[in-house]
Structures are given as C-alpha cells and as structure tokens.
Amino acid sequence: MSPNLLDDATSVFVAQLGAPSAELVGLTEGIALIDAATGSQTWTESDDAGGGWKVHQDGPLRLWDRVEEALGIWQSAGAPDLSAFGMTVTEWDQAVWLGDPEGPCWRLPA
C-alpha cells in the first residue's frame, strides 16, 4: 500500500488506529512511524526502479503491517468519512468501531 494514501484526515485517523501509540512523521518522500514505547519504527522510501515503495520495519511491532491492515479494513468498507466511526468507552476498555459497535473495531491503549 502506498504511503500516498495517507493524504487526508480520515486515512491518517485510520492509520493511527492501526498503530495507536506510534507517531506519524511526514518525510520529504514517504512517511515514518515511531513508537517510543516499544522502540519500533517503520519508514518508507521510493523504489526508483519500479515506481513503487520500499517499506523498512524495525523493532518488536510491525507498524506498517498494522497500518496496512487498518487501511484495508477501511477501504473494504468503502473508505467512509469520519462520521462512520464511533467509540465505546467503559471502565476497562476503549474501542473505536466502524459502522456499528459490532463491526470492525480497534482497541485503544487505556
């Protein structure tokens, strides 16, 4: 998945759901994700040979894999805007869901 997909508020929001403790940093070309809690990081760079992207991941969490999974779920749902998301908060849990509370959801750190 191209990092160019992260070009609007909704896609960035969805990416953050996939890696909630990571900071998204825009680079001159591509992006970087840095998770200070685990030391995990990922960054993208242009693949000059094929016009695609190379993804580098380091640390215990595969941050880009998590972002791609979240973006894939969102795209499969038709890439709806932010109004399609809701949140459930209990004494023990926080979750953001897509469509309805029984739909796809992402648990957030408490």
PDB file of N, CA and C in Angstrom:
ATOM      1  N   MET A   1       0.842  -1.167   0.000  1.00  0.00           N
ATOM      2  CA  MET A   1       0.000   0.000   0.000  1.00  0.00           C
ATOM      3  C   MET A   1       0.896   1.242   0.000  1.00  0.00           C
ATOM      4  N   SER A   2       0.573   2.207  -0.804  1.00  0.00           N
ATOM      5  CA  SER A   2       1.383   3.413  -0.924  1.00  0.00           C
ATOM      6  C   SER A   2       1.168   4.355   0.256  1.00  0.00           C
ATOM      7  N   PRO A   3       2.231   4.957   0.751  1.00  0.00           N
ATOM      8  CA  PRO A   3       2.063   5.960   1.804  1.00  0.00           C
ATOM      9  C   PRO A   3       1.310   7.192   1.299  1.00  0.00           C
ATOM     10  N   ASN A   4       1.181   7.345  -0.003  1.00  0.00           N
ATOM     11  CA  ASN A   4       0.407   8.460  -0.556  1.00  0.00           C
ATOM     12  C   ASN A   4      -1.066   8.366  -0.186  1.00  0.00           C
ATOM     13  N   LEU A   5      -1.507   7.176   0.228  1.00  0.00           N
ATOM     14  CA  LEU A   5      -2.884   7.010   0.666  1.00  0.00           C
ATOM     15  C   LEU A   5      -3.167   7.868   1.901  1.00  0.00           C
ATOM     16  N   LEU A   6      -2.131   8.189   2.666  1.00  0.00           N
ATOM     17  CA  LEU A   6      -2.299   8.975   3.891  1.00  0.00           C
ATOM     18  C   LEU A   6      -2.308  10.470   3.556  1.00  0.00           C
ATOM     19  N   ASP A   7      -3.243  10.850   2.711  1.00  0.00           N
ATOM     20  CA  ASP A   7      -3.286  12.231   2.241  1.00  0.00           C
ATOM     21  C   ASP A   7      -4.488  13.018   2.736  1.00  0.00           C
ATOM     22  N   ASP A   8      -5.294  12.421   3.614  1.00  0.00           N
ATOM     23  CA  ASP A   8      -6.431  13.165   4.166  1.00  0.00           C
ATOM     24  C   ASP A   8      -6.648  12.770   5.620  1.00  0.00           C
ATOM     25  N   ALA A   9      -7.473  13.519   6.295  1.00  0.00           N
ATOM     26  CA  ALA A   9      -7.668  13.334   7.736  1.00  0.00           C
ATOM     27  C   ALA A   9      -8.215  11.948   8.076  1.00  0.00           C
ATOM     28  N   THR A  10      -9.116  11.420   7.262  1.00  0.00           N
ATOM     29  CA  THR A  10      -9.708  10.123   7.592  1.00  0.00           C
ATOM     30  C   THR A  10      -8.697   9.001   7.462  1.00  0.00           C
ATOM     31  N   SER A  11      -7.914   8.997   6.400  1.00  0.00           N
ATOM     32  CA  SER A  11      -6.933   7.918   6.238  1.00  0.00           C
ATOM     33  C   SER A  11      -5.855   7.986   7.321  1.00  0.00           C
ATOM     34  N   VAL A  12      -5.465   9.178   7.726  1.00  0.00           N
ATOM     35  CA  VAL A  12      -4.487   9.314   8.817  1.00  0.00           C
ATOM     36  C   VAL A  12      -5.098   8.821  10.131  1.00  0.00           C
ATOM     37  N   PHE A  13      -6.367   9.132  10.357  1.00  0.00           N
ATOM     38  CA  PHE A  13      -7.075   8.655  11.543  1.00  0.00           C
ATOM     39  C   PHE A  13      -7.089   7.127  11.579  1.00  0.00           C
ATOM     40  N   VAL A  14      -7.401   6.506  10.448  1.00  0.00           N
ATOM     41  CA  VAL A  14      -7.446   5.047  10.369  1.00  0.00           C
ATOM     42  C   VAL A  14      -6.053   4.452  10.594  1.00  0.00           C
ATOM     43  N   ALA A  15      -5.042   5.067  10.009  1.00  0.00           N
ATOM     44  CA  ALA A  15      -3.666   4.595  10.209  1.00  0.00           C
ATOM     45  C   ALA A  15      -3.300   4.643  11.689  1.00  0.00           C
ATOM     46  N   GLN A  16      -3.721   5.696  12.369  1.00  0.00           N
ATOM     47  CA  GLN A  16      -3.422   5.832  13.797  1.00  0.00           C
ATOM     48  C   GLN A  16      -4.134   4.761  14.610  1.00  0.00           C
ATOM     49  N   LEU A  17      -5.312   4.325  14.154  1.00  0.00           N
ATOM     50  CA  LEU A  17      -5.998   3.225  14.836  1.00  0.00           C
ATOM     51  C   LEU A  17      -5.181   1.943  14.751  1.00  0.00           C
ATOM     52  N   GLY A  18      -4.517   1.743  13.624  1.00  0.00           N
ATOM     53  CA  GLY A  18      -3.702   0.543  13.451  1.00  0.00           C
ATOM     54  C   GLY A  18      -2.462   0.532  14.322  1.00  0.00           C
ATOM     55  N   ALA A  19      -1.924   1.701  14.590  1.00  0.00           N
ATOM     56  CA  ALA A  19      -0.711   1.824  15.417  1.00  0.00           C
ATOM     57  C   ALA A  19      -0.918   2.988  16.381  1.00  0.00           C
ATOM     58  N   PRO A  20      -1.773   2.803  17.389  1.00  0.00           N
ATOM     59  CA  PRO A  20      -2.204   3.926  18.221  1.00  0.00           C
ATOM     60  C   PRO A  20      -1.128   4.601  19.058  1.00  0.00           C
ATOM     61  N   SER A  21      -0.051   3.909  19.371  1.00  0.00           N
ATOM     62  CA  SER A  21       0.979   4.553  20.189  1.00  0.00           C
ATOM     63  C   SER A  21       2.141   5.073  19.346  1.00  0.00           C
ATOM     64  N   ALA A  22       2.007   4.996  18.038  1.00  0.00           N
ATOM     65  CA  ALA A  22       3.074   5.464  17.145  1.00  0.00           C
ATOM     66  C   ALA A  22       2.807   6.891  16.686  1.00  0.00           C
ATOM     67  N   GLU A  23       3.875   7.610  16.461  1.00  0.00           N
ATOM     68  CA  GLU A  23       3.783   8.966  15.927  1.00  0.00           C
ATOM     69  C   GLU A  23       4.057   8.900  14.429  1.00  0.00           C
ATOM     70  N   LEU A  24       3.177   9.511  13.647  1.00  0.00           N
ATOM     71  CA  LEU A  24       3.317   9.564  12.197  1.00  0.00           C
ATOM     72  C   LEU A  24       4.085  10.823  11.826  1.00  0.00           C
ATOM     73  N   VAL A  25       5.162  10.653  11.075  1.00  0.00           N
ATOM     74  CA  VAL A  25       6.010  11.773  10.678  1.00  0.00           C
ATOM     75  C   VAL A  25       6.081  11.792   9.153  1.00  0.00           C
ATOM     76  N   GLY A  26       5.769  12.935   8.567  1.00  0.00           N
ATOM     77  CA  GLY A  26       5.906  13.074   7.123  1.00  0.00           C
ATOM     78  C   GLY A  26       7.347  13.379   6.766  1.00  0.00           C
ATOM     79  N   LEU A  27       7.857  12.673   5.789  1.00  0.00           N
ATOM     80  CA  LEU A  27       9.211  12.898   5.312  1.00  0.00           C
ATOM     81  C   LEU A  27       9.144  13.622   3.965  1.00  0.00           C
ATOM     82  N   THR A  28      10.275  14.069   3.466  1.00  0.00           N
ATOM     83  CA  THR A  28      10.289  14.700   2.148  1.00  0.00           C
ATOM     84  C   THR A  28       9.652  13.775   1.122  1.00  0.00           C
ATOM     85  N   GLU A  29       9.985  12.512   1.222  1.00  0.00           N
ATOM     86  CA  GLU A  29       9.415  11.494   0.359  1.00  0.00           C
ATOM     87  C   GLU A  29       9.007  10.325   1.226  1.00  0.00           C
ATOM     88  N   GLY A  30       7.724  10.072   1.384  1.00  0.00           N
ATOM     89  CA  GLY A  30       7.261   8.963   2.206  1.00  0.00           C
ATOM     90  C   GLY A  30       6.931   9.394   3.622  1.00  0.00           C
ATOM     91  N   ILE A  31       6.859   8.401   4.506  1.00  0.00           N
ATOM     92  CA  ILE A  31       6.488   8.639   5.896  1.00  0.00           C
ATOM     93  C   ILE A  31       7.363   7.813   6.821  1.00  0.00           C
ATOM     94  N   ALA A  32       7.298   8.131   8.108  1.00  0.00           N
ATOM     95  CA  ALA A  32       7.922   7.316   9.146  1.00  0.00           C
ATOM     96  C   ALA A  32       6.923   7.183  10.289  1.00  0.00           C
ATOM     97  N   LEU A  33       6.937   6.053  10.942  1.00  0.00           N
ATOM     98  CA  LEU A  33       6.164   5.817  12.156  1.00  0.00           C
ATOM     99  C   LEU A  33       7.153   5.442  13.242  1.00  0.00           C
ATOM    100  N   ILE A  34       7.008   6.079  14.403  1.00  0.00           N
ATOM    101  CA  ILE A  34       7.924   5.833  15.509  1.00  0.00           C
ATOM    102  C   ILE A  34       7.092   5.564  16.759  1.00  0.00           C
ATOM    103  N   ASP A  35       7.335   4.430  17.380  1.00  0.00           N
ATOM    104  CA  ASP A  35       6.645   4.051  18.608  1.00  0.00           C
ATOM    105  C   ASP A  35       7.660   4.107  19.749  1.00  0.00           C
ATOM    106  N   ALA A  36       7.635   5.196  20.499  1.00  0.00           N
ATOM    107  CA  ALA A  36       8.615   5.395  21.570  1.00  0.00           C
ATOM    108  C   ALA A  36       8.478   4.352  22.677  1.00  0.00           C
ATOM    109  N   ALA A  37       7.273   3.841  22.893  1.00  0.00           N
ATOM    110  CA  ALA A  37       7.055   2.874  23.962  1.00  0.00           C
ATOM    111  C   ALA A  37       7.791   1.557  23.711  1.00  0.00           C
ATOM    112  N   THR A  38       7.875   1.133  22.452  1.00  0.00           N
ATOM    113  CA  THR A  38       8.496  -0.161  22.142  1.00  0.00           C
ATOM    114  C   THR A  38       9.800  -0.027  21.361  1.00  0.00           C
ATOM    115  N   GLY A  39      10.094   1.172  20.866  1.00  0.00           N
ATOM    116  CA  GLY A  39      11.270   1.358  20.028  1.00  0.00           C
ATOM    117  C   GLY A  39      11.049   0.932  18.589  1.00  0.00           C
ATOM    118  N   SER A  40       9.836   0.523  18.266  1.00  0.00           N
ATOM    119  CA  SER A  40       9.536   0.102  16.899  1.00  0.00           C
ATOM    120  C   SER A  40       9.494   1.310  15.980  1.00  0.00           C
ATOM    121  N   GLN A  41       9.895   1.074  14.747  1.00  0.00           N
ATOM    122  CA  GLN A  41       9.839   2.143  13.762  1.00  0.00           C
ATOM    123  C   GLN A  41       9.679   1.559  12.372  1.00  0.00           C
ATOM    124  N   THR A  42       9.104   2.343  11.506  1.00  0.00           N
ATOM    125  CA  THR A  42       8.994   1.974  10.099  1.00  0.00           C
ATOM    126  C   THR A  42       9.151   3.236   9.283  1.00  0.00           C
ATOM    127  N   TRP A  43       9.668   3.088   8.087  1.00  0.00           N
ATOM    128  CA  TRP A  43       9.766   4.234   7.190  1.00  0.00           C
ATOM    129  C   TRP A  43       9.654   3.729   5.763  1.00  0.00           C
ATOM    130  N   THR A  44       9.192   4.602   4.905  1.00  0.00           N
ATOM    131  CA  THR A  44       9.026   4.255   3.501  1.00  0.00           C
ATOM    132  C   THR A  44       9.957   5.109   2.660  1.00  0.00           C
ATOM    133  N   GLU A  45      10.321   4.554   1.521  1.00  0.00           N
ATOM    134  CA  GLU A  45      11.103   5.320   0.562  1.00  0.00           C
ATOM    135  C   GLU A  45      10.706   4.865  -0.831  1.00  0.00           C
ATOM    136  N   SER A  46      10.852   5.747  -1.768  1.00  0.00           N
ATOM    137  CA  SER A  46      10.511   5.456  -3.146  1.00  0.00           C
ATOM    138  C   SER A  46      11.406   4.354  -3.696  1.00  0.00           C
ATOM    139  N   ASP A  47      10.802   3.436  -4.440  1.00  0.00           N
ATOM    140  CA  ASP A  47      11.549   2.396  -5.140  1.00  0.00           C
ATOM    141  C   ASP A  47      11.773   2.905  -6.559  1.00  0.00           C
ATOM    142  N   ASP A  48      12.915   3.510  -6.772  1.00  0.00           N
ATOM    143  CA  ASP A  48      13.196   4.168  -8.048  1.00  0.00           C
ATOM    144  C   ASP A  48      13.037   3.229  -9.240  1.00  0.00           C
ATOM    145  N   ALA A  49      13.332   1.970  -9.050  1.00  0.00           N
ATOM    146  CA  ALA A  49      13.305   1.026 -10.169  1.00  0.00           C
ATOM    147  C   ALA A  49      11.895   0.777 -10.701  1.00  0.00           C
ATOM    148  N   GLY A  50      10.934   0.627  -9.798  1.00  0.00           N
ATOM    149  CA  GLY A  50       9.600   0.236 -10.246  1.00  0.00           C
ATOM    150  C   GLY A  50       8.516   1.260 -10.011  1.00  0.00           C
ATOM    151  N   GLY A  51       8.848   2.416  -9.485  1.00  0.00           N
ATOM    152  CA  GLY A  51       7.830   3.426  -9.213  1.00  0.00           C
ATOM    153  C   GLY A  51       6.984   3.119  -7.989  1.00  0.00           C
ATOM    154  N   GLY A  52       7.328   2.088  -7.233  1.00  0.00           N
ATOM    155  CA  GLY A  52       6.584   1.737  -6.027  1.00  0.00           C
ATOM    156  C   GLY A  52       7.265   2.269  -4.788  1.00  0.00           C
ATOM    157  N   TRP A  53       7.081   1.532  -3.687  1.00  0.00           N
ATOM    158  CA  TRP A  53       7.619   1.950  -2.392  1.00  0.00           C
ATOM    159  C   TRP A  53       8.319   0.797  -1.712  1.00  0.00           C
ATOM    160  N   LYS A  54       9.377   1.106  -0.998  1.00  0.00           N
ATOM    161  CA  LYS A  54      10.037   0.160  -0.114  1.00  0.00           C
ATOM    162  C   LYS A  54       9.626   0.513   1.303  1.00  0.00           C
ATOM    163  N   VAL A  55       9.363  -0.498   2.091  1.00  0.00           N
ATOM    164  CA  VAL A  55       8.998  -0.292   3.493  1.00  0.00           C
ATOM    165  C   VAL A  55      10.044  -0.981   4.349  1.00  0.00           C
ATOM    166  N   HIS A  56      10.563  -0.250   5.325  1.00  0.00           N
ATOM    167  CA  HIS A  56      11.535  -0.794   6.279  1.00  0.00           C
ATOM    168  C   HIS A  56      10.868  -0.813   7.647  1.00  0.00           C
ATOM    169  N   GLN A  57      11.006  -1.926   8.376  1.00  0.00           N
ATOM    170  CA  GLN A  57      10.420  -2.035   9.703  1.00  0.00           C
ATOM    171  C   GLN A  57      11.482  -2.558  10.670  1.00  0.00           C
ATOM    172  N   ASP A  58      11.466  -2.001  11.867  1.00  0.00           N
ATOM    173  CA  ASP A  58      12.431  -2.405  12.876  1.00  0.00           C
ATOM    174  C   ASP A  58      11.745  -2.374  14.234  1.00  0.00           C
ATOM    175  N   GLY A  59      12.103  -3.296  15.097  1.00  0.00           N
ATOM    176  CA  GLY A  59      11.534  -3.338  16.441  1.00  0.00           C
ATOM    177  C   GLY A  59      10.507  -4.448  16.585  1.00  0.00           C
ATOM    178  N   PRO A  60       9.972  -4.593  17.792  1.00  0.00           N
ATOM    179  CA  PRO A  60       9.067  -5.714  18.071  1.00  0.00           C
ATOM    180  C   PRO A  60       7.694  -5.606  17.399  1.00  0.00           C
ATOM    181  N   LEU A  61       7.228  -4.390  17.078  1.00  0.00           N
ATOM    182  CA  LEU A  61       5.933  -4.222  16.414  1.00  0.00           C
ATOM    183  C   LEU A  61       6.138  -3.940  14.931  1.00  0.00           C
ATOM    184  N   ARG A  62       5.387  -4.626  14.097  1.00  0.00           N
ATOM    185  CA  ARG A  62       5.422  -4.391  12.648  1.00  0.00           C
ATOM    186  C   ARG A  62       4.400  -3.288  12.354  1.00  0.00           C
ATOM    187  N   LEU A  63       4.814  -2.049  12.560  1.00  0.00           N
ATOM    188  CA  LEU A  63       3.902  -0.907  12.497  1.00  0.00           C
ATOM    189  C   LEU A  63       3.226  -0.768  11.141  1.00  0.00           C
ATOM    190  N   TRP A  64       3.992  -0.887  10.060  1.00  0.00           N
ATOM    191  CA  TRP A  64       3.385  -0.704   8.736  1.00  0.00           C
ATOM    192  C   TRP A  64       2.370  -1.811   8.454  1.00  0.00           C
ATOM    193  N   ASP A  65       2.652  -3.023   8.898  1.00  0.00           N
ATOM    194  CA  ASP A  65       1.689  -4.111   8.721  1.00  0.00           C
ATOM    195  C   ASP A  65       0.371  -3.770   9.411  1.00  0.00           C
ATOM    196  N   ARG A  66       0.463  -3.214  10.596  1.00  0.00           N
ATOM    197  CA  ARG A  66      -0.750  -2.835  11.343  1.00  0.00           C
ATOM    198  C   ARG A  66      -1.505  -1.709  10.645  1.00  0.00           C
ATOM    199  N   VAL A  67      -0.768  -0.740  10.108  1.00  0.00           N
ATOM    200  CA  VAL A  67      -1.396   0.368   9.384  1.00  0.00           C
ATOM    201  C   VAL A  67      -2.076  -0.162   8.121  1.00  0.00           C
ATOM    202  N   GLU A  68      -1.386  -1.012   7.382  1.00  0.00           N
ATOM    203  CA  GLU A  68      -1.972  -1.588   6.158  1.00  0.00           C
ATOM    204  C   GLU A  68      -3.242  -2.379   6.462  1.00  0.00           C
ATOM    205  N   GLU A  69      -3.222  -3.134   7.554  1.00  0.00           N
ATOM    206  CA  GLU A  69      -4.411  -3.912   7.920  1.00  0.00           C
ATOM    207  C   GLU A  69      -5.592  -2.989   8.209  1.00  0.00           C
ATOM    208  N   ALA A  70      -5.359  -1.941   9.001  1.00  0.00           N
ATOM    209  CA  ALA A  70      -6.436  -0.998   9.326  1.00  0.00           C
ATOM    210  C   ALA A  70      -6.952  -0.304   8.069  1.00  0.00           C
ATOM    211  N   LEU A  71      -6.047   0.154   7.206  1.00  0.00           N
ATOM    212  CA  LEU A  71      -6.460   0.823   5.971  1.00  0.00           C
ATOM    213  C   LEU A  71      -7.213  -0.129   5.049  1.00  0.00           C
ATOM    214  N   GLY A  72      -6.809  -1.404   5.023  1.00  0.00           N
ATOM    215  CA  GLY A  72      -7.506  -2.389   4.204  1.00  0.00           C
ATOM    216  C   GLY A  72      -8.940  -2.602   4.672  1.00  0.00           C
ATOM    217  N   ILE A  73      -9.145  -2.670   5.977  1.00  0.00           N
ATOM    218  CA  ILE A  73     -10.497  -2.822   6.534  1.00  0.00           C
ATOM    219  C   ILE A  73     -11.347  -1.612   6.161  1.00  0.00           C
ATOM    220  N   TRP A  74     -10.784  -0.435   6.319  1.00  0.00           N
ATOM    221  CA  TRP A  74     -11.492   0.803   5.997  1.00  0.00           C
ATOM    222  C   TRP A  74     -11.842   0.857   4.503  1.00  0.00           C
ATOM    223  N   GLN A  75     -10.894   0.518   3.646  1.00  0.00           N
ATOM    224  CA  GLN A  75     -11.153   0.531   2.203  1.00  0.00           C
ATOM    225  C   GLN A  75     -12.210  -0.506   1.828  1.00  0.00           C
ATOM    226  N   SER A  76     -12.178  -1.677   2.455  1.00  0.00           N
ATOM    227  CA  SER A  76     -13.180  -2.713   2.181  1.00  0.00           C
ATOM    228  C   SER A  76     -14.593  -2.246   2.545  1.00  0.00           C
ATOM    229  N   ALA A  77     -14.675  -1.327   3.499  1.00  0.00           N
ATOM    230  CA  ALA A  77     -15.968  -0.766   3.907  1.00  0.00           C
ATOM    231  C   ALA A  77     -16.374   0.413   3.023  1.00  0.00           C
ATOM    232  N   GLY A  78     -15.598   0.687   1.974  1.00  0.00           N
ATOM    233  CA  GLY A  78     -15.932   1.791   1.065  1.00  0.00           C
ATOM    234  C   GLY A  78     -15.232   3.091   1.382  1.00  0.00           C
ATOM    235  N   ALA A  79     -14.240   3.063   2.259  1.00  0.00           N
ATOM    236  CA  ALA A  79     -13.471   4.247   2.669  1.00  0.00           C
ATOM    237  C   ALA A  79     -14.384   5.402   3.112  1.00  0.00           C
ATOM    238  N   PRO A  80     -15.282   5.126   4.077  1.00  0.00           N
ATOM    239  CA  PRO A  80     -16.204   6.178   4.538  1.00  0.00           C
ATOM    240  C   PRO A  80     -15.476   7.291   5.291  1.00  0.00           C
ATOM    241  N   ASP A  81     -16.155   8.433   5.425  1.00  0.00           N
ATOM    242  CA  ASP A  81     -15.557   9.554   6.145  1.00  0.00           C
ATOM    243  C   ASP A  81     -15.641   9.326   7.660  1.00  0.00           C
ATOM    244  N   LEU A  82     -15.143  10.284   8.401  1.00  0.00           N
ATOM    245  CA  LEU A  82     -15.050  10.151   9.864  1.00  0.00           C
ATOM    246  C   LEU A  82     -16.398   9.940  10.545  1.00  0.00           C
ATOM    247  N   SER A  83     -17.489  10.381   9.925  1.00  0.00           N
ATOM    248  CA  SER A  83     -18.800  10.231  10.561  1.00  0.00           C
ATOM    249  C   SER A  83     -19.226   8.767  10.674  1.00  0.00           C
ATOM    250  N   ALA A  84     -18.556   7.849   9.981  1.00  0.00           N
ATOM    251  CA  ALA A  84     -18.894   6.423  10.051  1.00  0.00           C
ATOM    252  C   ALA A  84     -18.276   5.734  11.266  1.00  0.00           C
ATOM    253  N   PHE A  85     -17.429   6.430  12.012  1.00  0.00           N
ATOM    254  CA  PHE A  85     -16.753   5.835  13.157  1.00  0.00           C
ATOM    255  C   PHE A  85     -17.459   6.216  14.447  1.00  0.00           C
ATOM    256  N   GLY A  86     -17.420   5.332  15.409  1.00  0.00           N
ATOM    257  CA  GLY A  86     -17.947   5.592  16.740  1.00  0.00           C
ATOM    258  C   GLY A  86     -16.964   5.079  17.769  1.00  0.00           C
ATOM    259  N   MET A  87     -17.263   5.343  19.023  1.00  0.00           N
ATOM    260  CA  MET A  87     -16.353   4.922  20.085  1.00  0.00           C
ATOM    261  C   MET A  87     -17.156   4.428  21.271  1.00  0.00           C
ATOM    262  N   THR A  88     -16.674   3.354  21.855  1.00  0.00           N
ATOM    263  CA  THR A  88     -17.260   2.832  23.075  1.00  0.00           C
ATOM    264  C   THR A  88     -16.193   2.872  24.161  1.00  0.00           C
ATOM    265  N   VAL A  89     -16.542   3.478  25.284  1.00  0.00           N
ATOM    266  CA  VAL A  89     -15.615   3.589  26.408  1.00  0.00           C
ATOM    267  C   VAL A  89     -16.294   2.996  27.631  1.00  0.00           C
ATOM    268  N   THR A  90     -15.592   2.076  28.261  1.00  0.00           N
ATOM    269  CA  THR A  90     -16.080   1.510  29.509  1.00  0.00           C
ATOM    270  C   THR A  90     -15.017   1.752  30.574  1.00  0.00           C
ATOM    271  N   GLU A  91     -15.307   1.292  31.741  1.00  0.00           N
ATOM    272  CA  GLU A  91     -14.354   1.415  32.847  1.00  0.00           C
ATOM    273  C   GLU A  91     -13.042   0.690  32.538  1.00  0.00           C
ATOM    274  N   TRP A  92     -13.100  -0.350  31.693  1.00  0.00           N
ATOM    275  CA  TRP A  92     -11.949  -1.201  31.439  1.00  0.00           C
ATOM    276  C   TRP A  92     -11.395  -1.123  30.022  1.00  0.00           C
ATOM    277  N   ASP A  93     -12.120  -0.494  29.104  1.00  0.00           N
ATOM    278  CA  ASP A  93     -11.767  -0.615  27.699  1.00  0.00           C
ATOM    279  C   ASP A  93     -12.152   0.635  26.912  1.00  0.00           C
ATOM    280  N   GLN A  94     -11.417   0.872  25.834  1.00  0.00           N
ATOM    281  CA  GLN A  94     -11.749   1.917  24.866  1.00  0.00           C
ATOM    282  C   GLN A  94     -11.628   1.288  23.483  1.00  0.00           C
ATOM    283  N   ALA A  95     -12.635   1.472  22.656  1.00  0.00           N
ATOM    284  CA  ALA A  95     -12.578   0.909  21.309  1.00  0.00           C
ATOM    285  C   ALA A  95     -13.230   1.875  20.329  1.00  0.00           C
ATOM    286  N   VAL A  96     -12.614   2.012  19.170  1.00  0.00           N
ATOM    287  CA  VAL A  96     -13.190   2.765  18.059  1.00  0.00           C
ATOM    288  C   VAL A  96     -13.697   1.732  17.071  1.00  0.00           C
ATOM    289  N   TRP A  97     -14.929   1.917  16.597  1.00  0.00           N
ATOM    290  CA  TRP A  97     -15.519   0.965  15.671  1.00  0.00           C
ATOM    291  C   TRP A  97     -15.967   1.668  14.396  1.00  0.00           C
ATOM    292  N   LEU A  98     -16.127   0.870  13.371  1.00  0.00           N
ATOM    293  CA  LEU A  98     -16.535   1.357  12.059  1.00  0.00           C
ATOM    294  C   LEU A  98     -17.919   0.824  11.738  1.00  0.00           C
ATOM    295  N   GLY A  99     -18.856   1.711  11.492  1.00  0.00           N
ATOM    296  CA  GLY A  99     -20.214   1.302  11.126  1.00  0.00           C
ATOM    297  C   GLY A  99     -21.131   1.130  12.312  1.00  0.00           C
ATOM    298  N   ASP A 100     -20.828   0.182  13.161  1.00  0.00           N
ATOM    299  CA  ASP A 100     -21.594  -0.038  14.390  1.00  0.00           C
ATOM    300  C   ASP A 100     -20.711  -0.791  15.377  1.00  0.00           C
ATOM    301  N   PRO A 101     -21.109  -0.823  16.644  1.00  0.00           N
ATOM    302  CA  PRO A 101     -20.250  -1.446  17.665  1.00  0.00           C
ATOM    303  C   PRO A 101     -19.912  -2.912  17.401  1.00  0.00           C
ATOM    304  N   GLU A 102     -20.688  -3.593  16.579  1.00  0.00           N
ATOM    305  CA  GLU A 102     -20.416  -4.995  16.253  1.00  0.00           C
ATOM    306  C   GLU A 102     -19.537  -5.133  15.006  1.00  0.00           C
ATOM    307  N   GLY A 103     -19.229  -4.014  14.359  1.00  0.00           N
ATOM    308  CA  GLY A 103     -18.405  -4.043  13.152  1.00  0.00           C
ATOM    309  C   GLY A 103     -16.923  -4.089  13.495  1.00  0.00           C
ATOM    310  N   PRO A 104     -16.085  -3.815  12.503  1.00  0.00           N
ATOM    311  CA  PRO A 104     -14.645  -3.790  12.767  1.00  0.00           C
ATOM    312  C   PRO A 104     -14.325  -2.792  13.880  1.00  0.00           C
ATOM    313  N   CYS A 105     -13.408  -3.163  14.761  1.00  0.00           N
ATOM    314  CA  CYS A 105     -13.049  -2.237  15.847  1.00  0.00           C
ATOM    315  C   CYS A 105     -11.581  -2.344  16.180  1.00  0.00           C
ATOM    316  N   TRP A 106     -11.082  -1.279  16.766  1.00  0.00           N
ATOM    317  CA  TRP A 106      -9.686  -1.190  17.181  1.00  0.00           C
ATOM    318  C   TRP A 106      -9.675  -0.804  18.648  1.00  0.00           C
ATOM    319  N   ARG A 107      -8.992  -1.589  19.450  1.00  0.00           N
ATOM    320  CA  ARG A 107      -8.849  -1.295  20.878  1.00  0.00           C
ATOM    321  C   ARG A 107      -7.732  -0.269  21.054  1.00  0.00           C
ATOM    322  N   LEU A 108      -7.972   0.672  21.911  1.00  0.00           N
ATOM    323  CA  LEU A 108      -7.008   1.724  22.170  1.00  0.00           C
ATOM    324  C   LEU A 108      -6.356   1.528  23.527  1.00  0.00           C
ATOM    325  N   PRO A 109      -5.117   1.972  23.669  1.00  0.00           N
ATOM    326  CA  PRO A 109      -4.475   1.891  24.985  1.00  0.00           C
ATOM    327  C   PRO A 109      -5.266   2.707  26.000  1.00  0.00           C
ATOM    328  N   ALA A 110      -5.397   2.187  27.189  1.00  0.00           N
ATOM    329  CA  ALA A 110      -6.153   2.896  28.233  1.00  0.00           C
ATOM    330  C   ALA A 110      -5.274   3.903  28.930  1.00  0.00           C
TER     331      ALA A 110
END
